[in-house]
């Protein structure tokens, strides 16, 4: 499976750190999106209040966590934010370049 390397490498250690137990510092659940060539990608229990830039095309965000997720059209969580409540999905063609989980 191809992985969005810059995103996953940056996030990998953090996800491993919170994968054993879910704490107040993690948005428990799954965040998914569609990447290059229409492939679906996801992460489990992403850390809270950290902005992550995606290294490749990303669209159709789906928030299956228990916390609010905010996606941005530009890197470094810049541009007009789109808030996704728990269980909410963005339109399938809605592109984004960065994401923050459970922003404070």
Protein backbone atom coordinates (compact mmCIF):
# COMPACT_ATOMS: atom_id res chain seq x y z
CA UNK A 1 0.00 0.00 0.00
CA UNK A 2 1.38 3.37 -0.95
CA UNK A 3 1.55 5.77 1.94
CA UNK A 4 1.71 9.52 2.08
CA UNK A 5 5.27 9.31 3.33
CA UNK A 6 5.84 12.85 4.64
CA UNK A 7 2.60 12.73 6.62
CA UNK A 8 3.01 9.20 7.90
CA UNK A 9 6.71 9.55 8.76
CA UNK A 10 5.98 12.69 10.76
CA UNK A 11 2.96 11.13 12.38
CA UNK A 12 4.30 7.59 12.77
CA UNK A 13 6.07 8.04 16.09
CA UNK A 14 3.18 9.99 17.52
CA UNK A 15 0.63 7.37 16.49
CA UNK A 16 2.77 4.62 17.98
CA UNK A 17 3.05 6.60 21.18
CA UNK A 18 -0.74 6.84 21.57
CA UNK A 19 -1.81 3.56 19.97
CA UNK A 20 -1.56 1.52 23.17
CA UNK A 21 -3.98 3.70 25.10
CA UNK A 22 -6.19 6.54 24.08
CA UNK A 23 -5.82 9.56 26.30
CA UNK A 24 -7.14 13.08 26.43
CA UNK A 25 -4.35 13.96 23.99
CA UNK A 26 -5.72 11.85 21.14
CA UNK A 27 -8.81 12.08 18.97
CA UNK A 28 -9.93 8.47 19.36
CA UNK A 29 -11.20 6.87 16.20
CA UNK A 30 -10.24 7.00 12.54
CA UNK A 31 -9.61 9.86 10.14
CA UNK A 32 -9.76 8.87 6.46
CA UNK A 33 -9.26 10.58 3.11
CA UNK A 34 -8.77 9.81 -0.57
CA UNK A 35 -5.26 10.26 -1.92
CA UNK A 36 -3.48 9.81 -5.25
CA UNK A 37 -5.07 7.44 -7.76
CA UNK A 38 -8.26 7.29 -5.68
CA UNK A 39 -6.73 5.22 -2.89
CA UNK A 40 -8.16 5.53 0.60
CA UNK A 41 -5.81 6.34 3.50
CA UNK A 42 -6.54 6.50 7.20
CA UNK A 43 -4.94 6.95 10.59
CA UNK A 44 -6.09 5.73 13.99
CA UNK A 45 -6.24 7.90 17.12
CA UNK A 46 -4.46 11.00 15.74
CA UNK A 47 -2.87 13.35 18.30
CA UNK A 48 -4.82 16.45 19.34
CA UNK A 49 -4.11 20.07 18.48
CA UNK A 50 -1.26 19.50 16.03
CA UNK A 51 -1.32 20.72 12.44
CA UNK A 52 -0.18 18.16 9.89
CA UNK A 53 0.66 18.93 6.26
CA UNK A 54 -0.12 16.22 3.74
CA UNK A 55 2.64 15.64 1.22
CA UNK A 56 0.37 14.63 -1.66
CA UNK A 57 -3.13 15.12 -2.99
CA UNK A 58 -5.83 14.69 -0.35
CA UNK A 59 -9.60 15.02 -0.71
CA UNK A 60 -12.85 13.73 0.70
CA UNK A 61 -11.92 13.88 4.39
CA UNK A 62 -14.05 11.72 6.68
CA UNK A 63 -13.98 12.26 10.43
CA UNK A 64 -14.76 9.03 12.25
CA UNK A 65 -13.06 10.25 15.44
CA UNK A 66 -14.89 11.41 18.54
CA UNK A 67 -13.47 14.93 18.22
CA UNK A 68 -13.77 17.85 15.81
CA UNK A 69 -11.34 17.85 12.89
CA UNK A 70 -10.48 20.94 10.83
CA UNK A 71 -9.07 20.66 7.30
CA UNK A 72 -7.41 23.54 5.43
CA UNK A 73 -6.83 24.16 1.72
CA UNK A 74 -3.21 25.23 2.27
CA UNK A 75 -0.25 23.85 4.19
CA UNK A 76 0.44 24.89 7.81
CA UNK A 77 -3.31 24.99 8.52
CA UNK A 78 -3.83 28.18 6.51
CA UNK A 79 -6.77 29.29 4.41
CA UNK A 80 -10.49 28.93 4.98
CA UNK A 81 -11.04 26.11 7.48
CA UNK A 82 -13.63 23.39 7.07
CA UNK A 83 -14.76 21.96 10.41
CA UNK A 84 -15.89 18.36 10.47
CA UNK A 85 -17.84 17.23 13.51
CA UNK A 86 -17.51 13.61 14.66
CA UNK A 87 -19.00 11.35 11.99
CA UNK A 88 -19.09 14.12 9.37
CA UNK A 89 -17.48 13.95 5.93
CA UNK A 90 -16.41 16.66 3.51
CA UNK A 91 -17.66 16.45 -0.09
CA UNK A 92 -15.73 13.76 -1.98
CA UNK A 93 -14.08 16.29 -4.31
CA UNK A 94 -13.16 18.77 -1.55
CA UNK A 95 -9.36 18.98 -1.50
CA UNK A 96 -7.28 19.84 1.54
CA UNK A 97 -3.56 20.22 2.26
CA UNK A 98 -3.40 20.16 6.07
CA UNK A 99 -5.43 18.99 9.04
CA UNK A 100 -5.64 19.56 12.76
CA UNK A 101 -7.38 17.20 15.19
CA UNK A 102 -9.42 18.48 18.12
CA UNK A 103 -8.10 22.06 17.89
CA UNK A 104 -8.11 24.06 21.10
